[in-house]
């Protein structure tokens, strides 16, 4: 069994209910669309080779600057809109973070082109699926522990002896692994039947594997492994979703107090060289749809 109870205790934050989407393979609806664009200038990772199922691609991705031009309420006049879980009101343009992170390794989006995305709960992305569902809790823990304090700028590097590209690549790879993994263990090597694998510079792989190992420790069914992830989960993360273009993780300054946001720039990078080469194995529950 996946140890969400332990993850919740350690995070000190109110995570979304595990059963939110577990009873259905259908992505929950939202009446909210977001119209805007991304700017990739100086905000991409290096060249990464990834394998997802039977598809192998060389990709560049990362954290583009996000510009939101319009938030569209598609509900009928006089009817309360259906909102993504975690929101109690329709967000305004200024509530969105200035930057976003890619969720789907095989989709793309052009720079400075206007798109319209569906605003959905993190559990519902990416689309086409499978959606990450309960893996979204681990994504929030990754952001809360590795990338915190108002999303913006490039991946913070203060205090670590790694270059920005390695850190940037590592964080992107960890996001893709969490968003796509359906096996019992997070790993970029595809162990235990993992569907996502990646090839990148050793430093980036080792950093990403270190963070993923901390999530595996949180999900250890036997309570035998202690995780270094002790910061709160970032509960103000949502997704911009499209059937044909890149999906993004965004932070929202939640109006109406729907969920206590955790500040997502000046990150708490708790893990340095001590994480390199970590091979602790934790087991995670296979997602049930």
Protein backbone atom coordinates (compact mmCIF):
# COMPACT_ATOMS: atom_id res chain seq x y z
CA UNK A 1 0.00 0.00 0.00
CA UNK A 2 1.20 3.47 -0.82
CA UNK A 3 1.87 5.42 2.34
CA UNK A 4 -0.04 8.65 1.73
CA UNK A 5 -0.75 8.90 5.44
CA UNK A 6 2.97 9.18 6.14
CA UNK A 7 3.46 11.65 3.30
CA UNK A 8 0.66 13.79 4.68
CA UNK A 9 2.11 13.71 8.18
CA UNK A 10 5.58 14.68 7.02
CA UNK A 11 4.39 17.37 4.66
CA UNK A 12 2.33 19.08 7.32
CA UNK A 13 -0.10 20.14 4.62
CA UNK A 14 -3.63 19.20 3.68
CA UNK A 15 -3.33 17.04 0.59
CA UNK A 16 -6.20 16.39 -1.75
CA UNK A 17 -8.27 13.29 -0.91
CA UNK A 18 -6.81 10.10 -2.28
CA UNK A 19 -10.18 9.02 -3.57
CA UNK A 20 -10.68 12.20 -5.58
CA UNK A 21 -10.35 10.47 -8.93
CA UNK A 22 -9.66 6.89 -7.94
CA UNK A 23 -13.17 5.69 -8.74
CA UNK A 24 -13.11 6.79 -12.34
CA UNK A 25 -10.79 6.80 -15.31
CA UNK A 26 -12.66 9.81 -16.69
CA UNK A 27 -10.97 13.18 -16.34
CA UNK A 28 -13.13 15.46 -14.22
CA UNK A 29 -14.62 18.45 -15.99
CA UNK A 30 -13.83 22.11 -15.37
CA UNK A 31 -15.63 25.15 -16.73
CA UNK A 32 -12.50 27.30 -16.59
CA UNK A 33 -10.27 27.96 -19.61
CA UNK A 34 -7.04 29.94 -19.60
CA UNK A 35 -5.96 31.89 -22.67
CA UNK A 36 -2.32 32.91 -22.94
CA UNK A 37 1.15 32.10 -24.19
CA UNK A 38 4.55 30.85 -23.11
CA UNK A 39 7.98 32.27 -23.87
CA UNK A 40 10.79 29.72 -24.11
CA UNK A 41 13.69 32.19 -24.44
CA UNK A 42 16.50 31.10 -22.08
CA UNK A 43 14.11 28.82 -20.21
CA UNK A 44 14.71 25.39 -21.69
CA UNK A 45 16.62 22.38 -20.51
CA UNK A 46 19.48 20.84 -22.40
CA UNK A 47 19.01 18.03 -24.90
CA UNK A 48 17.39 15.05 -23.16
CA UNK A 49 16.73 11.60 -24.58
CA UNK A 50 13.58 10.09 -23.16
CA UNK A 51 11.67 6.86 -23.70
CA UNK A 52 7.96 6.64 -23.00
CA UNK A 53 6.57 3.20 -23.72
CA UNK A 54 7.81 2.32 -27.22
CA UNK A 55 8.57 5.93 -28.23
CA UNK A 56 12.07 7.38 -27.90
CA UNK A 57 12.64 11.10 -28.55
CA UNK A 58 15.26 13.78 -28.03
CA UNK A 59 13.52 16.71 -26.40
CA UNK A 60 14.06 20.11 -24.86
CA UNK A 61 11.67 21.34 -22.23
CA UNK A 62 11.67 23.26 -18.99
CA UNK A 63 10.20 26.35 -17.39
CA UNK A 64 8.89 28.93 -19.88
CA UNK A 65 7.61 32.33 -18.84
CA UNK A 66 3.80 32.25 -18.72
CA UNK A 67 1.55 35.12 -19.82
CA UNK A 68 -2.15 34.76 -19.03
CA UNK A 69 -4.33 37.03 -21.19
CA UNK A 70 -7.79 35.88 -20.16
CA UNK A 71 -9.52 33.53 -17.72
CA UNK A 72 -12.73 32.25 -19.29
CA UNK A 73 -15.73 30.99 -17.30
CA UNK A 74 -17.67 28.63 -19.57
CA UNK A 75 -20.52 27.97 -17.15
CA UNK A 76 -24.05 28.96 -18.07
CA UNK A 77 -25.31 32.34 -16.98
CA UNK A 78 -26.38 32.28 -13.35
CA UNK A 79 -24.82 28.86 -12.75
CA UNK A 80 -21.82 28.37 -10.48
CA UNK A 81 -18.83 27.16 -12.52
CA UNK A 82 -17.34 23.72 -12.05
CA UNK A 83 -13.89 24.42 -10.62
CA UNK A 84 -10.79 22.23 -10.36
CA UNK A 85 -10.57 20.54 -6.98
CA UNK A 86 -8.77 22.91 -4.60
CA UNK A 87 -10.23 26.13 -5.99
CA UNK A 88 -13.22 27.83 -4.40
CA UNK A 89 -13.46 30.69 -6.89
CA UNK A 90 -12.48 31.56 -10.45
CA UNK A 91 -8.85 32.79 -10.43
CA UNK A 92 -7.93 36.14 -11.90
CA UNK A 93 -5.13 36.82 -14.39
CA UNK A 94 -2.84 38.11 -11.68
CA UNK A 95 -3.27 34.99 -9.55
CA UNK A 96 -1.17 32.82 -11.90
CA UNK A 97 2.55 32.25 -11.47
CA UNK A 98 4.82 33.95 -14.01
CA UNK A 99 6.42 30.64 -14.97
CA UNK A 100 5.23 27.10 -15.69
CA UNK A 101 6.75 23.61 -15.98
CA UNK A 102 6.13 21.02 -18.71
CA UNK A 103 4.21 17.89 -17.72
CA UNK A 104 4.14 15.80 -20.90
CA UNK A 105 7.50 14.85 -22.47
CA UNK A 106 6.03 14.11 -25.92
CA UNK A 107 4.01 17.28 -26.49
CA UNK A 108 5.22 20.75 -27.45
CA UNK A 109 4.04 24.35 -27.64
CA UNK A 110 5.49 27.20 -29.70
CA UNK A 111 6.91 30.29 -28.06
CA UNK A 112 4.79 33.46 -28.02
CA UNK A 113 1.77 31.79 -29.66
CA UNK A 114 -1.62 32.23 -28.01
CA UNK A 115 -3.27 29.00 -26.83
CA UNK A 116 -6.35 28.17 -24.81
CA UNK A 117 -5.93 25.54 -22.08
CA UNK A 118 -8.35 23.88 -19.70
CA UNK A 119 -7.58 24.66 -16.07
CA UNK A 120 -7.71 21.36 -14.18
CA UNK A 121 -6.62 19.80 -10.92
CA UNK A 122 -3.09 18.40 -11.01
CA UNK A 123 -4.56 14.88 -10.65
CA UNK A 124 -6.25 15.21 -14.06
CA UNK A 125 -3.12 16.03 -16.11
CA UNK A 126 -1.56 15.26 -18.49
CA UNK A 127 -3.98 14.80 -21.34
CA UNK A 128 -4.06 12.54 -23.31
CA UNK A 129 -3.56 10.35 -20.28
CA UNK A 130 -3.16 8.38 -18.31
CA UNK A 131 -3.64 11.16 -15.79
CA UNK A 132 -1.21 11.18 -12.87
CA UNK A 133 -4.03 10.84 -10.32
CA UNK A 134 -2.59 10.08 -6.84
CA UNK A 135 0.95 10.76 -8.12
CA UNK A 136 -0.08 14.41 -7.93
CA UNK A 137 0.47 14.26 -4.16
CA UNK A 138 4.10 13.34 -4.81
CA UNK A 139 4.42 16.16 -7.35
CA UNK A 140 3.32 18.62 -4.68
CA UNK A 141 5.91 17.20 -2.31
CA UNK A 142 8.62 17.51 -4.98
CA UNK A 143 7.80 21.19 -5.52
CA UNK A 144 7.42 21.91 -1.81
CA UNK A 145 10.78 20.35 -0.94
CA UNK A 146 12.89 21.13 -4.00
CA UNK A 147 11.41 24.21 -5.65
CA UNK A 148 9.68 26.58 -3.30
CA UNK A 149 8.86 30.24 -2.69
CA UNK A 150 6.84 31.85 -5.67
CA UNK A 151 7.47 30.09 -8.99
CA UNK A 152 9.74 32.20 -11.12
CA UNK A 153 13.19 32.46 -12.66
CA UNK A 154 15.29 29.48 -13.51
CA UNK A 155 15.86 26.54 -11.20
CA UNK A 156 17.59 27.97 -8.10
CA UNK A 157 21.19 26.87 -7.62
CA UNK A 158 22.29 28.63 -4.42
CA UNK A 159 24.46 26.48 -2.20
CA UNK A 160 24.86 23.57 -4.57
CA UNK A 161 27.95 22.62 -6.51
CA UNK A 162 26.04 21.84 -9.71
CA UNK A 163 25.58 23.98 -12.76
CA UNK A 164 22.19 25.42 -13.64
CA UNK A 165 21.70 23.10 -16.62
CA UNK A 166 22.12 19.95 -14.52
CA UNK A 167 19.68 21.22 -11.90
CA UNK A 168 17.21 22.35 -14.54
CA UNK A 169 17.39 18.99 -16.33
CA UNK A 170 17.08 17.05 -13.08
CA UNK A 171 13.96 18.88 -11.98
CA UNK A 172 12.30 18.43 -15.37
CA UNK A 173 13.12 14.71 -15.44
CA UNK A 174 11.70 14.24 -11.95
CA UNK A 175 8.48 15.96 -13.03
CA UNK A 176 8.12 13.72 -16.07
CA UNK A 177 8.81 10.58 -14.05
CA UNK A 178 6.15 11.45 -11.48
CA UNK A 179 3.60 12.48 -14.11
CA UNK A 180 4.00 9.28 -16.16
CA UNK A 181 4.99 6.53 -13.73
CA UNK A 182 2.57 3.63 -13.24
CA UNK A 183 4.89 1.10 -11.60
CA UNK A 184 5.61 0.66 -7.90
CA UNK A 185 8.84 2.67 -7.84
CA UNK A 186 9.99 6.03 -9.17
CA UNK A 187 13.17 5.57 -11.21
CA UNK A 188 14.54 7.02 -14.45
CA UNK A 189 16.03 3.65 -15.34
CA UNK A 190 12.63 2.03 -15.84
CA UNK A 191 13.08 -0.59 -13.11
CA UNK A 192 10.03 -2.51 -11.90
CA UNK A 193 8.32 -2.02 -15.23
CA UNK A 194 8.48 1.76 -15.24
CA UNK A 195 7.13 3.31 -18.44
CA UNK A 196 9.34 6.42 -18.46
CA UNK A 197 13.12 6.34 -18.90
CA UNK A 198 15.65 9.08 -19.59
CA UNK A 199 19.24 9.62 -20.67
CA UNK A 200 20.97 12.81 -19.54
CA UNK A 201 24.30 13.95 -18.06
CA UNK A 202 25.19 11.86 -15.02
CA UNK A 203 24.92 14.76 -12.58
CA UNK A 204 21.36 15.51 -13.68
CA UNK A 205 20.30 11.87 -13.50
CA UNK A 206 21.84 11.44 -10.05
CA UNK A 207 20.14 14.56 -8.70
CA UNK A 208 16.75 13.53 -10.07
CA UNK A 209 17.15 9.97 -8.78
CA UNK A 210 18.04 11.37 -5.36
CA UNK A 211 14.81 13.35 -5.14
CA UNK A 212 12.78 10.42 -6.46
CA UNK A 213 14.40 8.18 -3.84
CA UNK A 214 13.09 10.54 -1.15
CA UNK A 215 9.58 10.10 -2.52
CA UNK A 216 10.06 6.34 -2.59
CA UNK A 217 11.07 6.52 1.06
CA UNK A 218 7.90 8.41 1.92
CA UNK A 219 5.91 5.69 0.18
CA UNK A 220 7.78 2.79 1.82
CA UNK A 221 5.06 0.40 2.94
CA UNK A 222 7.14 -0.98 5.81
CA UNK A 223 7.92 2.28 7.62
CA UNK A 224 11.60 1.34 7.47
CA UNK A 225 13.01 4.28 5.49
CA UNK A 226 13.19 7.91 6.62
CA UNK A 227 12.82 10.57 3.93
CA UNK A 228 14.69 13.86 3.89
CA UNK A 229 11.57 15.47 2.42
CA UNK A 230 10.17 17.34 5.41
CA UNK A 231 8.96 20.61 3.91
CA UNK A 232 5.23 21.23 3.29
CA UNK A 233 3.66 20.10 0.04
CA UNK A 234 2.93 22.83 -2.52
CA UNK A 235 -0.85 22.66 -2.53
CA UNK A 236 -1.36 25.61 -4.88
CA UNK A 237 -0.30 23.67 -7.99
CA UNK A 238 -2.74 23.13 -10.87
CA UNK A 239 -2.46 22.19 -14.54
CA UNK A 240 -3.06 23.90 -17.87
CA UNK A 241 -4.24 21.08 -20.11
CA UNK A 242 -4.56 20.64 -23.87
CA UNK A 243 -5.28 17.58 -26.00
CA UNK A 244 -2.76 18.58 -28.66
CA UNK A 245 -0.26 20.97 -27.04
CA UNK A 246 2.04 20.84 -24.03
CA UNK A 247 0.42 20.67 -20.60
CA UNK A 248 1.88 22.80 -17.81
CA UNK A 249 2.10 22.88 -14.04
CA UNK A 250 1.25 26.34 -12.69
CA UNK A 251 0.97 27.85 -9.24
CA UNK A 252 -2.12 29.89 -8.41
CA UNK A 253 -2.57 32.43 -5.64
CA UNK A 254 -5.78 30.77 -4.54
CA UNK A 255 -8.69 33.22 -4.07
CA UNK A 256 -11.24 32.52 -1.40
CA UNK A 257 -8.84 30.44 0.69
CA UNK A 258 -9.64 27.21 -1.16
CA UNK A 259 -6.35 25.56 -0.15
CA UNK A 260 -3.49 27.01 1.85
CA UNK A 261 -0.84 27.87 -0.75
CA UNK A 262 2.79 27.10 -0.07
CA UNK A 263 5.11 29.79 -1.43
CA UNK A 264 6.64 28.30 -4.49
CA UNK A 265 12.00 31.39 -6.50
CA UNK A 266 14.39 31.28 -3.65
CA UNK A 267 13.92 27.56 -3.35
CA UNK A 268 14.82 25.31 -0.49
CA UNK A 269 17.31 23.00 -2.21
CA UNK A 270 17.85 20.71 0.74
CA UNK A 271 19.80 18.09 -1.09
CA UNK A 272 23.32 18.36 -2.45
CA UNK A 273 26.06 15.92 -3.14
CA UNK A 274 24.88 13.59 -0.36
CA UNK A 275 22.03 12.52 -2.60
CA UNK A 276 24.24 11.42 -5.45
CA UNK A 277 24.30 7.69 -5.86
CA UNK A 278 21.48 7.04 -3.40
CA UNK A 279 19.89 3.71 -4.15
CA UNK A 280 17.37 3.27 -1.36
CA UNK A 281 14.36 1.41 -2.66
CA UNK A 282 10.81 2.20 -1.59
CA UNK A 283 7.68 0.71 -2.96
CA UNK A 284 4.74 2.69 -4.12
CA UNK A 285 1.24 1.57 -4.77
CA UNK A 286 0.27 1.13 -8.38
CA UNK A 287 -2.25 3.77 -9.37
CA UNK A 288 -5.80 2.51 -9.40
CA UNK A 289 -8.07 4.12 -11.92
